[in-house]
Amino acid sequence: MIEQVRRARGRPRSETARRAILDATLALAAEQGPKGVRMDAIASRAGVSKETLYRWWRSKAEVLLEALAQYGEQTIPVPDTGSLASDLRAFLRATARAADPPTERLLRALAAEAAADADLADVVRDTFLARRRADLGRLLGRAVARGELTAGQAATAVDLIYGSLWYRVIFGIGPLDERWADGVADMIASLARASAEAGVDHPEEAPRPVQ
């Protein structure tokens, strides 16, 4: 595994400039598609130098991934309603709303590149997917604390949920919409209730982080 993105030494990043760069990156992707996003175009749109971009990020892909991660964190809240089913429905509905056509095109392009480039796949996993999984993991971790799920079930649920999401994004087998969000949420909650009602224990289950 390659190391996570390391910031180059030098002057600390300006938060205003960072936000301008990430906003410019997503705006260009929406207007021109992933192929239209170039480092010089990002710099021009954000009003910074190309040297500034390369001082903070090593490639266009890294800028795109950070922009997508921040977009997800800003648009997909992690609810705490006290109920696994309602928390999941709210989280997944927001996820579906955030996956507009330009964002889906960008995700598909990055997934395709990562499939052919092991180093990029590591960066996608460590700088984007890990942040999205961590948000869902916090939601499921609360359900574990309430006794609605075991830690092992919660860890598996993260894979099931994001596996379903990426299957739809990459292959277009169905839309990411409220029907998908509610169906996945209700299925996870129903399986958890059935397991609890059946008194299924998992004493052999080694604790796994929910992420």
N, C-alpha and C. Protein backbone atom coordinates (compact mmCIF):
# COMPACT_ATOMS: atom_id res chain seq x y z
N MET A 1 0.85 -1.20 0.00
CA MET A 1 0.00 0.00 0.00
C MET A 1 0.88 1.24 0.00
N ILE A 2 0.59 2.18 -0.84
CA ILE A 2 1.37 3.42 -0.81
C ILE A 2 0.92 4.25 0.36
N GLU A 3 1.75 5.16 0.77
CA GLU A 3 1.41 6.01 1.90
C GLU A 3 0.26 6.93 1.52
N GLN A 4 -0.48 7.36 2.53
CA GLN A 4 -1.54 8.31 2.26
C GLN A 4 -0.92 9.62 1.79
N VAL A 5 -1.75 10.45 1.19
CA VAL A 5 -1.25 11.69 0.60
C VAL A 5 -0.53 12.52 1.66
N ARG A 6 0.69 12.88 1.35
CA ARG A 6 1.47 13.71 2.28
C ARG A 6 1.59 15.11 1.71
N ARG A 7 1.40 16.09 2.53
CA ARG A 7 1.51 17.47 2.10
C ARG A 7 2.98 17.86 2.00
N ALA A 8 3.32 18.55 0.91
CA ALA A 8 4.69 19.00 0.76
C ALA A 8 5.04 20.03 1.82
N ARG A 9 6.31 20.04 2.21
CA ARG A 9 6.74 21.03 3.18
C ARG A 9 6.70 22.40 2.56
N GLY A 10 6.55 23.40 3.40
CA GLY A 10 6.48 24.77 2.91
C GLY A 10 5.44 25.54 3.67
N ARG A 11 4.96 26.60 3.07
CA ARG A 11 3.98 27.44 3.73
C ARG A 11 2.68 26.67 3.97
N PRO A 12 2.01 26.91 5.11
CA PRO A 12 0.74 26.22 5.35
C PRO A 12 -0.30 26.64 4.33
N ARG A 13 -1.22 25.73 4.06
CA ARG A 13 -2.25 26.01 3.06
C ARG A 13 -3.22 27.07 3.56
N SER A 14 -3.62 27.94 2.67
CA SER A 14 -4.69 28.90 2.97
C SER A 14 -6.01 28.17 2.82
N GLU A 15 -6.85 28.23 3.86
CA GLU A 15 -8.14 27.54 3.80
C GLU A 15 -9.02 28.14 2.71
N THR A 16 -8.94 29.45 2.53
CA THR A 16 -9.73 30.10 1.48
C THR A 16 -9.30 29.59 0.10
N ALA A 17 -7.99 29.51 -0.12
CA ALA A 17 -7.49 29.01 -1.41
C ALA A 17 -7.84 27.54 -1.58
N ARG A 18 -7.73 26.76 -0.51
CA ARG A 18 -8.06 25.33 -0.61
C ARG A 18 -9.50 25.13 -1.04
N ARG A 19 -10.42 25.86 -0.40
CA ARG A 19 -11.83 25.74 -0.75
C ARG A 19 -12.09 26.20 -2.19
N ALA A 20 -11.41 27.26 -2.59
CA ALA A 20 -11.58 27.75 -3.96
C ALA A 20 -11.12 26.69 -4.97
N ILE A 21 -10.02 26.02 -4.66
CA ILE A 21 -9.50 24.99 -5.55
C ILE A 21 -10.46 23.81 -5.64
N LEU A 22 -10.96 23.35 -4.50
CA LEU A 22 -11.86 22.19 -4.51
C LEU A 22 -13.19 22.54 -5.19
N ASP A 23 -13.69 23.74 -4.94
CA ASP A 23 -14.93 24.16 -5.62
C ASP A 23 -14.71 24.26 -7.13
N ALA A 24 -13.57 24.81 -7.53
CA ALA A 24 -13.26 24.95 -8.96
C ALA A 24 -13.15 23.58 -9.62
N THR A 25 -12.57 22.63 -8.91
CA THR A 25 -12.40 21.28 -9.45
C THR A 25 -13.75 20.64 -9.75
N LEU A 26 -14.68 20.72 -8.81
CA LEU A 26 -16.00 20.12 -9.03
C LEU A 26 -16.79 20.88 -10.09
N ALA A 27 -16.62 22.20 -10.14
CA ALA A 27 -17.33 22.99 -11.16
C ALA A 27 -16.85 22.60 -12.55
N LEU A 28 -15.55 22.46 -12.72
CA LEU A 28 -15.02 22.06 -14.02
C LEU A 28 -15.48 20.66 -14.40
N ALA A 29 -15.49 19.76 -13.43
CA ALA A 29 -15.94 18.40 -13.71
C ALA A 29 -17.39 18.38 -14.16
N ALA A 30 -18.22 19.22 -13.53
CA ALA A 30 -19.63 19.28 -13.89
C ALA A 30 -19.83 19.87 -15.28
N GLU A 31 -19.01 20.87 -15.62
CA GLU A 31 -19.17 21.56 -16.90
C GLU A 31 -18.57 20.78 -18.07
N GLN A 32 -17.43 20.16 -17.86
CA GLN A 32 -16.66 19.60 -18.97
C GLN A 32 -16.44 18.09 -18.87
N GLY A 33 -16.89 17.48 -17.78
CA GLY A 33 -16.63 16.06 -17.59
C GLY A 33 -15.23 15.84 -17.03
N PRO A 34 -14.94 14.64 -16.57
CA PRO A 34 -13.65 14.36 -15.94
C PRO A 34 -12.45 14.70 -16.83
N LYS A 35 -12.56 14.46 -18.13
CA LYS A 35 -11.41 14.71 -19.02
C LYS A 35 -11.11 16.19 -19.17
N GLY A 36 -12.09 17.03 -18.86
CA GLY A 36 -11.88 18.46 -18.98
C GLY A 36 -11.22 19.08 -17.76
N VAL A 37 -10.99 18.28 -16.74
CA VAL A 37 -10.36 18.79 -15.52
C VAL A 37 -8.85 18.63 -15.66
N ARG A 38 -8.16 19.79 -15.77
CA ARG A 38 -6.70 19.80 -15.86
C ARG A 38 -6.16 20.70 -14.75
N MET A 39 -4.94 20.47 -14.36
CA MET A 39 -4.37 21.26 -13.26
C MET A 39 -4.31 22.74 -13.62
N ASP A 40 -3.96 23.07 -14.89
CA ASP A 40 -3.91 24.49 -15.25
C ASP A 40 -5.30 25.11 -15.24
N ALA A 41 -6.32 24.33 -15.65
CA ALA A 41 -7.68 24.86 -15.64
C ALA A 41 -8.18 25.06 -14.21
N ILE A 42 -7.85 24.14 -13.32
CA ILE A 42 -8.23 24.29 -11.91
C ILE A 42 -7.59 25.54 -11.33
N ALA A 43 -6.29 25.70 -11.58
CA ALA A 43 -5.58 26.86 -11.05
C ALA A 43 -6.19 28.16 -11.56
N SER A 44 -6.48 28.21 -12.86
CA SER A 44 -7.06 29.42 -13.44
C SER A 44 -8.43 29.73 -12.84
N ARG A 45 -9.29 28.70 -12.72
CA ARG A 45 -10.63 28.91 -12.17
C ARG A 45 -10.56 29.34 -10.69
N ALA A 46 -9.62 28.78 -9.94
CA ALA A 46 -9.53 29.08 -8.51
C ALA A 46 -8.74 30.35 -8.22
N GLY A 47 -8.04 30.87 -9.22
CA GLY A 47 -7.26 32.09 -9.01
C GLY A 47 -5.99 31.85 -8.22
N VAL A 48 -5.37 30.68 -8.44
CA VAL A 48 -4.10 30.37 -7.78
C VAL A 48 -3.11 29.93 -8.86
N SER A 49 -1.85 29.80 -8.47
CA SER A 49 -0.85 29.35 -9.42
C SER A 49 -0.84 27.83 -9.52
N LYS A 50 -0.37 27.32 -10.64
CA LYS A 50 -0.27 25.87 -10.79
C LYS A 50 0.76 25.32 -9.80
N GLU A 51 1.76 26.13 -9.48
CA GLU A 51 2.76 25.69 -8.50
C GLU A 51 2.12 25.45 -7.14
N THR A 52 1.11 26.27 -6.81
CA THR A 52 0.40 26.09 -5.55
C THR A 52 -0.30 24.74 -5.52
N LEU A 53 -0.94 24.39 -6.62
CA LEU A 53 -1.63 23.09 -6.69
C LEU A 53 -0.65 21.95 -6.47
N TYR A 54 0.48 21.99 -7.15
CA TYR A 54 1.43 20.89 -7.05
C TYR A 54 2.17 20.89 -5.71
N ARG A 55 2.16 22.01 -5.02
CA ARG A 55 2.75 22.04 -3.69
C ARG A 55 1.86 21.30 -2.69
N TRP A 56 0.53 21.30 -2.96
CA TRP A 56 -0.42 20.71 -2.02
C TRP A 56 -0.92 19.33 -2.45
N TRP A 57 -0.94 19.09 -3.74
CA TRP A 57 -1.39 17.79 -4.27
C TRP A 57 -0.42 17.33 -5.34
N ARG A 58 -0.29 16.01 -5.46
CA ARG A 58 0.67 15.48 -6.44
C ARG A 58 0.08 15.27 -7.81
N SER A 59 -1.25 15.22 -7.92
CA SER A 59 -1.86 14.93 -9.22
C SER A 59 -3.29 15.44 -9.26
N LYS A 60 -3.82 15.48 -10.47
CA LYS A 60 -5.24 15.86 -10.64
C LYS A 60 -6.14 14.90 -9.88
N ALA A 61 -5.82 13.62 -9.90
CA ALA A 61 -6.67 12.64 -9.22
C ALA A 61 -6.77 12.94 -7.73
N GLU A 62 -5.67 13.36 -7.11
CA GLU A 62 -5.70 13.64 -5.68
C GLU A 62 -6.57 14.87 -5.39
N VAL A 63 -6.51 15.88 -6.26
CA VAL A 63 -7.38 17.04 -6.07
C VAL A 63 -8.84 16.61 -6.19
N LEU A 64 -9.15 15.83 -7.21
CA LEU A 64 -10.52 15.36 -7.42
C LEU A 64 -11.02 14.56 -6.22
N LEU A 65 -10.18 13.69 -5.70
CA LEU A 65 -10.59 12.85 -4.57
C LEU A 65 -10.86 13.67 -3.32
N GLU A 66 -10.00 14.65 -3.06
CA GLU A 66 -10.24 15.49 -1.89
C GLU A 66 -11.51 16.33 -2.08
N ALA A 67 -11.72 16.82 -3.30
CA ALA A 67 -12.92 17.59 -3.58
C ALA A 67 -14.18 16.74 -3.37
N LEU A 68 -14.14 15.51 -3.84
CA LEU A 68 -15.29 14.61 -3.67
C LEU A 68 -15.51 14.27 -2.20
N ALA A 69 -14.43 14.03 -1.47
CA ALA A 69 -14.57 13.69 -0.05
C ALA A 69 -15.18 14.86 0.72
N GLN A 70 -14.70 16.07 0.44
CA GLN A 70 -15.27 17.23 1.14
C GLN A 70 -16.73 17.43 0.75
N TYR A 71 -17.03 17.25 -0.52
CA TYR A 71 -18.42 17.38 -0.98
C TYR A 71 -19.32 16.41 -0.24
N GLY A 72 -18.88 15.18 -0.09
CA GLY A 72 -19.68 14.19 0.63
C GLY A 72 -19.88 14.58 2.08
N GLU A 73 -18.84 15.06 2.73
CA GLU A 73 -18.95 15.43 4.13
C GLU A 73 -19.87 16.64 4.33
N GLN A 74 -19.90 17.52 3.34
CA GLN A 74 -20.74 18.72 3.44
C GLN A 74 -22.20 18.43 3.12
N THR A 75 -22.46 17.47 2.26
CA THR A 75 -23.83 17.26 1.77
C THR A 75 -24.52 16.03 2.36
N ILE A 76 -23.76 15.16 3.04
CA ILE A 76 -24.35 13.93 3.58
C ILE A 76 -24.14 13.92 5.09
N PRO A 77 -25.10 14.42 5.85
CA PRO A 77 -24.95 14.43 7.31
C PRO A 77 -25.02 13.01 7.87
N VAL A 78 -24.52 12.86 9.09
CA VAL A 78 -24.57 11.57 9.80
C VAL A 78 -25.60 11.72 10.91
N PRO A 79 -26.85 11.29 10.67
CA PRO A 79 -27.94 11.55 11.62
C PRO A 79 -27.83 10.69 12.87
N ASP A 80 -28.49 11.14 13.93
CA ASP A 80 -28.54 10.38 15.18
C ASP A 80 -29.97 10.49 15.72
N THR A 81 -30.88 9.69 15.17
CA THR A 81 -32.29 9.75 15.56
C THR A 81 -32.62 8.76 16.67
N GLY A 82 -31.66 7.89 17.00
CA GLY A 82 -31.92 6.87 17.99
C GLY A 82 -32.44 5.56 17.42
N SER A 83 -32.52 5.48 16.08
CA SER A 83 -33.04 4.28 15.43
C SER A 83 -32.16 3.95 14.23
N LEU A 84 -31.73 2.71 14.13
CA LEU A 84 -30.90 2.29 13.00
C LEU A 84 -31.61 2.51 11.68
N ALA A 85 -32.87 2.09 11.58
CA ALA A 85 -33.59 2.20 10.31
C ALA A 85 -33.72 3.65 9.85
N SER A 86 -34.12 4.53 10.76
CA SER A 86 -34.32 5.93 10.35
C SER A 86 -32.98 6.63 10.09
N ASP A 87 -31.95 6.29 10.86
CA ASP A 87 -30.63 6.86 10.59
C ASP A 87 -30.14 6.46 9.21
N LEU A 88 -30.28 5.17 8.89
CA LEU A 88 -29.82 4.70 7.59
C LEU A 88 -30.62 5.31 6.44
N ARG A 89 -31.93 5.39 6.61
CA ARG A 89 -32.75 5.99 5.53
C ARG A 89 -32.31 7.42 5.26
N ALA A 90 -32.12 8.21 6.31
CA ALA A 90 -31.71 9.60 6.12
C ALA A 90 -30.33 9.69 5.48
N PHE A 91 -29.39 8.88 5.95
CA PHE A 91 -28.03 8.91 5.42
C PHE A 91 -28.00 8.49 3.95
N LEU A 92 -28.72 7.43 3.63
CA LEU A 92 -28.68 6.92 2.25
C LEU A 92 -29.50 7.79 1.30
N ARG A 93 -30.57 8.40 1.78
CA ARG A 93 -31.30 9.35 0.93
C ARG A 93 -30.40 10.54 0.58
N ALA A 94 -29.67 11.04 1.57
CA ALA A 94 -28.75 12.15 1.30
C ALA A 94 -27.65 11.72 0.36
N THR A 95 -27.16 10.50 0.51
CA THR A 95 -26.15 9.96 -0.40
C THR A 95 -26.68 9.91 -1.83
N ALA A 96 -27.92 9.46 -1.98
CA ALA A 96 -28.52 9.38 -3.31
C ALA A 96 -28.67 10.77 -3.93
N ARG A 97 -29.09 11.75 -3.13
CA ARG A 97 -29.24 13.12 -3.65
C ARG A 97 -27.89 13.68 -4.08
N ALA A 98 -26.83 13.34 -3.35
CA ALA A 98 -25.50 13.88 -3.67
C ALA A 98 -24.93 13.27 -4.95
N ALA A 99 -25.41 12.09 -5.32
CA ALA A 99 -24.88 11.41 -6.51
C ALA A 99 -25.60 11.90 -7.77
N ASP A 100 -25.43 13.19 -8.07
CA ASP A 100 -26.05 13.73 -9.28
C ASP A 100 -25.25 13.26 -10.50
N PRO A 101 -25.76 13.47 -11.71
CA PRO A 101 -25.07 12.94 -12.91
C PRO A 101 -23.60 13.34 -13.02
N PRO A 102 -23.23 14.63 -12.80
CA PRO A 102 -21.79 14.95 -12.90
C PRO A 102 -20.95 14.20 -11.87
N THR A 103 -21.46 14.03 -10.67
CA THR A 103 -20.71 13.32 -9.64
C THR A 103 -20.57 11.85 -10.00
N GLU A 104 -21.65 11.25 -10.51
CA GLU A 104 -21.57 9.84 -10.92
C GLU A 104 -20.56 9.66 -12.05
N ARG A 105 -20.54 10.59 -13.01
CA ARG A 105 -19.56 10.48 -14.11
C ARG A 105 -18.14 10.53 -13.55
N LEU A 106 -17.92 11.41 -12.60
CA LEU A 106 -16.60 11.56 -12.01
C LEU A 106 -16.21 10.30 -11.24
N LEU A 107 -17.14 9.75 -10.48
CA LEU A 107 -16.86 8.52 -9.73
C LEU A 107 -16.54 7.36 -10.67
N ARG A 108 -17.30 7.24 -11.75
CA ARG A 108 -17.05 6.16 -12.70
C ARG A 108 -15.66 6.30 -13.33
N ALA A 109 -15.29 7.53 -13.69
CA ALA A 109 -13.98 7.75 -14.30
C ALA A 109 -12.85 7.40 -13.34
N LEU A 110 -12.99 7.80 -12.09
CA LEU A 110 -11.95 7.49 -11.10
C LEU A 110 -11.88 5.98 -10.84
N ALA A 111 -13.05 5.33 -10.79
CA ALA A 111 -13.07 3.88 -10.57
C ALA A 111 -12.38 3.17 -11.72
N ALA A 112 -12.62 3.62 -12.95
CA ALA A 112 -12.00 2.99 -14.11
C ALA A 112 -10.48 3.15 -14.08
N GLU A 113 -10.02 4.35 -13.73
CA GLU A 113 -8.59 4.58 -13.65
C GLU A 113 -7.97 3.74 -12.53
N ALA A 114 -8.66 3.66 -11.40
CA ALA A 114 -8.13 2.91 -10.26
C ALA A 114 -8.05 1.42 -10.57
N ALA A 115 -8.98 0.93 -11.40
CA ALA A 115 -8.96 -0.49 -11.76
C ALA A 115 -7.71 -0.86 -12.55
N ALA A 116 -7.13 0.11 -13.23
CA ALA A 116 -5.95 -0.16 -14.06
C ALA A 116 -4.66 0.33 -13.42
N ASP A 117 -4.75 0.95 -12.25
CA ASP A 117 -3.57 1.56 -11.63
C ASP A 117 -3.61 1.25 -10.14
N ALA A 118 -2.79 0.31 -9.69
CA ALA A 118 -2.83 -0.12 -8.29
C ALA A 118 -2.47 1.02 -7.34
N ASP A 119 -1.54 1.88 -7.72
CA ASP A 119 -1.19 2.99 -6.84
C ASP A 119 -2.36 3.96 -6.68
N LEU A 120 -3.04 4.24 -7.79
CA LEU A 120 -4.20 5.12 -7.70
C LEU A 120 -5.31 4.46 -6.88
N ALA A 121 -5.46 3.15 -7.02
CA ALA A 121 -6.48 2.45 -6.24
C ALA A 121 -6.22 2.62 -4.74
N ASP A 122 -4.95 2.58 -4.35
CA ASP A 122 -4.61 2.81 -2.94
C ASP A 122 -5.01 4.21 -2.50
N VAL A 123 -4.75 5.19 -3.36
CA VAL A 123 -5.09 6.57 -3.01
C VAL A 123 -6.60 6.75 -2.92
N VAL A 124 -7.34 6.16 -3.88
CA VAL A 124 -8.80 6.25 -3.84
C VAL A 124 -9.31 5.66 -2.53
N ARG A 125 -8.79 4.50 -2.17
CA ARG A 125 -9.24 3.84 -0.96
C ARG A 125 -8.91 4.66 0.29
N ASP A 126 -7.67 5.16 0.35
CA ASP A 126 -7.21 5.78 1.59
C ASP A 126 -7.62 7.24 1.74
N THR A 127 -7.88 7.94 0.64
CA THR A 127 -8.17 9.37 0.76
C THR A 127 -9.62 9.73 0.43
N PHE A 128 -10.37 8.77 -0.09
CA PHE A 128 -11.79 9.05 -0.38
C PHE A 128 -12.69 8.01 0.25
N LEU A 129 -12.54 6.75 -0.14
CA LEU A 129 -13.44 5.72 0.37
C LEU A 129 -13.35 5.60 1.90
N ALA A 130 -12.16 5.73 2.44
CA ALA A 130 -12.03 5.59 3.89
C ALA A 130 -12.83 6.65 4.64
N ARG A 131 -12.88 7.85 4.08
CA ARG A 131 -13.64 8.93 4.75
C ARG A 131 -15.14 8.69 4.66
N ARG A 132 -15.61 8.17 3.51
CA ARG A 132 -17.04 7.89 3.39
C ARG A 132 -17.42 6.70 4.28
N ARG A 133 -16.57 5.69 4.33
CA ARG A 133 -16.85 4.53 5.18
C ARG A 133 -16.81 4.93 6.66
N ALA A 134 -15.93 5.84 7.01
CA ALA A 134 -15.85 6.27 8.41
C ALA A 134 -17.13 6.97 8.85
N ASP A 135 -17.73 7.78 7.97
CA ASP A 135 -18.98 8.45 8.32
C ASP A 135 -20.09 7.42 8.55
N LEU A 136 -20.22 6.47 7.64
CA LEU A 136 -21.23 5.42 7.83
C LEU A 136 -20.89 4.58 9.06
N GLY A 137 -19.61 4.35 9.29
CA GLY A 137 -19.20 3.59 10.46
C GLY A 137 -19.61 4.25 11.76
N ARG A 138 -19.57 5.57 11.81
CA ARG A 138 -20.02 6.28 13.03
C ARG A 138 -21.50 6.04 13.27
N LEU A 139 -22.28 6.11 12.20
CA LEU A 139 -23.72 5.88 12.31
C LEU A 139 -23.99 4.46 12.82
N LEU A 140 -23.33 3.47 12.23
CA LEU A 140 -23.55 2.09 12.63
C LEU A 140 -22.97 1.81 14.01
N GLY A 141 -21.90 2.51 14.36
CA GLY A 141 -21.32 2.35 15.68
C GLY A 141 -22.30 2.73 16.78
N ARG A 142 -23.12 3.75 16.53
CA ARG A 142 -24.15 4.11 17.51
C ARG A 142 -25.17 2.99 17.66
N ALA A 143 -25.51 2.35 16.52
CA ALA A 143 -26.46 1.24 16.58
C ALA A 143 -25.87 0.08 17.37
N VAL A 144 -24.57 -0.13 17.25
CA VAL A 144 -23.91 -1.17 18.05
C VAL A 144 -24.02 -0.82 19.53
N ALA A 145 -23.77 0.44 19.86
CA ALA A 145 -23.85 0.87 21.26
C ALA A 145 -25.26 0.72 21.81
N ARG A 146 -26.28 0.88 20.95
CA ARG A 146 -27.67 0.72 21.41
C ARG A 146 -28.10 -0.75 21.45
N GLY A 147 -27.26 -1.64 20.94
CA GLY A 147 -27.60 -3.06 20.93
C GLY A 147 -28.41 -3.49 19.73
N GLU A 148 -28.49 -2.65 18.70
CA GLU A 148 -29.25 -3.02 17.50
C GLU A 148 -28.45 -3.90 16.55
N LEU A 149 -27.14 -3.82 16.63
CA LEU A 149 -26.24 -4.59 15.77
C LEU A 149 -25.07 -5.09 16.60
N THR A 150 -24.44 -6.17 16.15
CA THR A 150 -23.15 -6.52 16.70
C THR A 150 -22.08 -5.77 15.90
N ALA A 151 -20.88 -5.70 16.45
CA ALA A 151 -19.80 -5.02 15.74
C ALA A 151 -19.51 -5.70 14.41
N GLY A 152 -19.55 -7.03 14.39
CA GLY A 152 -19.31 -7.74 13.14
C GLY A 152 -20.38 -7.47 12.11
N GLN A 153 -21.65 -7.42 12.53
CA GLN A 153 -22.74 -7.11 11.61
C GLN A 153 -22.59 -5.71 11.04
N ALA A 154 -22.18 -4.78 11.89
CA ALA A 154 -22.01 -3.41 11.42
C ALA A 154 -20.90 -3.31 10.38
N ALA A 155 -19.80 -4.00 10.62
CA ALA A 155 -18.69 -3.98 9.65
C ALA A 155 -19.13 -4.58 8.32
N THR A 156 -19.90 -5.66 8.38
CA THR A 156 -20.40 -6.27 7.15
C THR A 156 -21.39 -5.35 6.45
N ALA A 157 -22.21 -4.63 7.23
CA ALA A 157 -23.21 -3.73 6.64
C ALA A 157 -22.54 -2.63 5.82
N VAL A 158 -21.38 -2.15 6.26
CA VAL A 158 -20.68 -1.12 5.49
C VAL A 158 -20.35 -1.65 4.09
N ASP A 159 -19.84 -2.89 4.03
CA ASP A 159 -19.51 -3.48 2.73
C ASP A 159 -20.77 -3.68 1.87
N LEU A 160 -21.84 -4.16 2.48
CA LEU A 160 -23.07 -4.39 1.73
C LEU A 160 -23.63 -3.08 1.16
N ILE A 161 -23.63 -2.05 1.98
CA ILE A 161 -24.21 -0.77 1.56
C ILE A 161 -23.38 -0.14 0.44
N TYR A 162 -22.07 -0.04 0.66
CA TYR A 162 -21.26 0.61 -0.37
C TYR A 162 -21.05 -0.30 -1.58
N GLY A 163 -21.10 -1.62 -1.37
CA GLY A 163 -21.06 -2.51 -2.53
C GLY A 163 -22.25 -2.28 -3.44
N SER A 164 -23.43 -2.16 -2.84
CA SER A 164 -24.64 -1.88 -3.61
C SER A 164 -24.53 -0.54 -4.33
N LEU A 165 -24.03 0.46 -3.62
CA LEU A 165 -23.91 1.79 -4.21
C LEU A 165 -22.98 1.78 -5.42
N TRP A 166 -21.79 1.20 -5.26
CA TRP A 166 -20.83 1.21 -6.36
C TRP A 166 -21.27 0.35 -7.52
N TYR A 167 -21.99 -0.72 -7.24
CA TYR A 167 -22.52 -1.57 -8.32
C TYR A 167 -23.43 -0.74 -9.22
N ARG A 168 -24.24 0.10 -8.60
CA ARG A 168 -25.14 0.94 -9.38
C ARG A 168 -24.40 2.07 -10.08
N VAL A 169 -23.44 2.68 -9.40
CA VAL A 169 -22.70 3.78 -10.00
C VAL A 169 -21.89 3.30 -11.21
N ILE A 170 -21.15 2.21 -11.05
CA ILE A 170 -20.23 1.78 -12.10
C ILE A 170 -20.96 1.14 -13.27
N PHE A 171 -21.94 0.26 -12.98
CA PHE A 171 -22.57 -0.50 -14.05
C PHE A 171 -23.96 -0.01 -14.42
N GLY A 172 -24.50 0.94 -13.68
CA GLY A 172 -25.79 1.52 -14.02
C GLY A 172 -26.94 0.54 -14.00
N ILE A 173 -26.90 -0.45 -13.08
CA ILE A 173 -27.98 -1.45 -13.06
C ILE A 173 -29.28 -0.89 -12.48
N GLY A 174 -29.20 0.27 -11.89
CA GLY A 174 -30.38 0.92 -11.32
C GLY A 174 -29.99 2.26 -10.76
N PRO A 175 -30.95 3.13 -10.52
CA PRO A 175 -30.63 4.47 -10.04
C PRO A 175 -30.32 4.49 -8.54
N LEU A 176 -29.54 5.48 -8.15
CA LEU A 176 -29.39 5.78 -6.72
C LEU A 176 -30.49 6.79 -6.39
N ASP A 177 -31.56 6.32 -5.78
CA ASP A 177 -32.69 7.18 -5.47
C ASP A 177 -33.26 6.79 -4.12
N GLU A 178 -34.38 7.41 -3.76
CA GLU A 178 -34.96 7.14 -2.44
C GLU A 178 -35.44 5.70 -2.32
N ARG A 179 -35.89 5.13 -3.42
CA ARG A 179 -36.31 3.73 -3.37
C ARG A 179 -35.14 2.83 -3.01
N TRP A 180 -33.99 3.07 -3.65
CA TRP A 180 -32.79 2.32 -3.31
C TRP A 180 -32.41 2.55 -1.86
N ALA A 181 -32.38 3.83 -1.45
CA ALA A 181 -31.97 4.17 -0.08
C ALA A 181 -32.85 3.49 0.95
N ASP A 182 -34.16 3.59 0.78
CA ASP A 182 -35.09 3.01 1.76
C ASP A 182 -35.01 1.48 1.75
N GLY A 183 -34.86 0.90 0.55
CA GLY A 183 -34.78 -0.56 0.46
C GLY A 183 -33.57 -1.11 1.17
N VAL A 184 -32.41 -0.48 0.95
CA VAL A 184 -31.19 -0.96 1.60
C VAL A 184 -31.28 -0.74 3.11
N ALA A 185 -31.75 0.43 3.52
CA ALA A 185 -31.86 0.72 4.95
C ALA A 185 -32.80 -0.26 5.65
N ASP A 186 -33.94 -0.50 5.04
CA ASP A 186 -34.92 -1.40 5.67
C ASP A 186 -34.41 -2.83 5.71
N MET A 187 -33.66 -3.24 4.66
CA MET A 187 -33.13 -4.60 4.66
C MET A 187 -32.12 -4.79 5.79
N ILE A 188 -31.19 -3.84 5.95
CA ILE A 188 -30.18 -3.95 7.00
C ILE A 188 -30.85 -3.96 8.38
N ALA A 189 -31.81 -3.06 8.58
CA ALA A 189 -32.49 -2.99 9.87
C ALA A 189 -33.30 -4.25 10.13
N SER A 190 -33.96 -4.79 9.09
CA SER A 190 -34.77 -5.98 9.26
C SER A 190 -33.91 -7.19 9.61
N LEU A 191 -32.78 -7.34 8.93
CA LEU A 191 -31.88 -8.46 9.24
C LEU A 191 -31.33 -8.35 10.66
N ALA A 192 -31.04 -7.13 11.09
CA ALA A 192 -30.55 -6.94 12.45
C ALA A 192 -31.61 -7.32 13.48
N ARG A 193 -32.87 -6.91 13.22
CA ARG A 193 -33.96 -7.25 14.15
C ARG A 193 -34.19 -8.76 14.19
N ALA A 194 -34.17 -9.39 13.02
CA ALA A 194 -34.39 -10.83 12.97
C ALA A 194 -33.31 -11.58 13.73
N SER A 195 -32.07 -11.13 13.60
CA SER A 195 -30.97 -11.76 14.31
C SER A 195 -31.13 -11.60 15.82
N ALA A 196 -31.53 -10.39 16.24
CA ALA A 196 -31.71 -10.14 17.67
C ALA A 196 -32.86 -10.96 18.23
N GLU A 197 -33.96 -11.02 17.48
CA GLU A 197 -35.13 -11.77 17.96
C GLU A 197 -34.87 -13.27 18.03
N ALA A 198 -34.01 -13.74 17.14
CA ALA A 198 -33.66 -15.17 17.15
C ALA A 198 -32.63 -15.49 18.22
N GLY A 199 -32.13 -14.46 18.85
CA GLY A 199 -31.12 -14.67 19.89
C GLY A 199 -29.81 -15.16 19.35
N VAL A 200 -29.48 -14.72 18.13
CA VAL A 200 -28.23 -15.17 17.52
C VAL A 200 -27.07 -14.41 18.14
N ASP A 201 -26.16 -15.16 18.72
CA ASP A 201 -24.95 -14.58 19.28
C ASP A 201 -23.77 -14.93 18.37
N HIS A 202 -22.73 -14.16 18.50
CA HIS A 202 -21.53 -14.41 17.70
C HIS A 202 -20.32 -14.41 18.62
N PRO A 203 -20.25 -15.37 19.56
CA PRO A 203 -19.14 -15.35 20.51
C PRO A 203 -17.78 -15.55 19.86
N GLU A 204 -17.78 -16.22 18.69
CA GLU A 204 -16.51 -16.47 18.04
C GLU A 204 -16.05 -15.28 17.21
N GLU A 205 -16.88 -14.27 17.11
CA GLU A 205 -16.62 -13.15 16.22
C GLU A 205 -15.55 -12.24 16.82
N ALA A 206 -14.45 -12.07 16.13
CA ALA A 206 -13.43 -11.16 16.60
C ALA A 206 -13.89 -9.74 16.35
N PRO A 207 -13.67 -8.83 17.30
CA PRO A 207 -14.08 -7.45 17.08
C PRO A 207 -13.43 -6.86 15.83
N ARG A 208 -14.23 -6.16 15.04
CA ARG A 208 -13.70 -5.52 13.84
C ARG A 208 -14.10 -4.04 13.87
N PRO A 209 -13.22 -3.18 13.42
CA PRO A 209 -13.59 -1.76 13.40
C PRO A 209 -14.72 -1.51 12.41
N VAL A 210 -15.65 -0.63 12.79
CA VAL A 210 -16.75 -0.28 11.89
C VAL A 210 -16.29 0.89 11.05
N GLN A 211 -15.84 0.59 9.81
CA GLN A 211 -15.37 1.66 8.93
C GLN A 211 -15.45 1.23 7.49
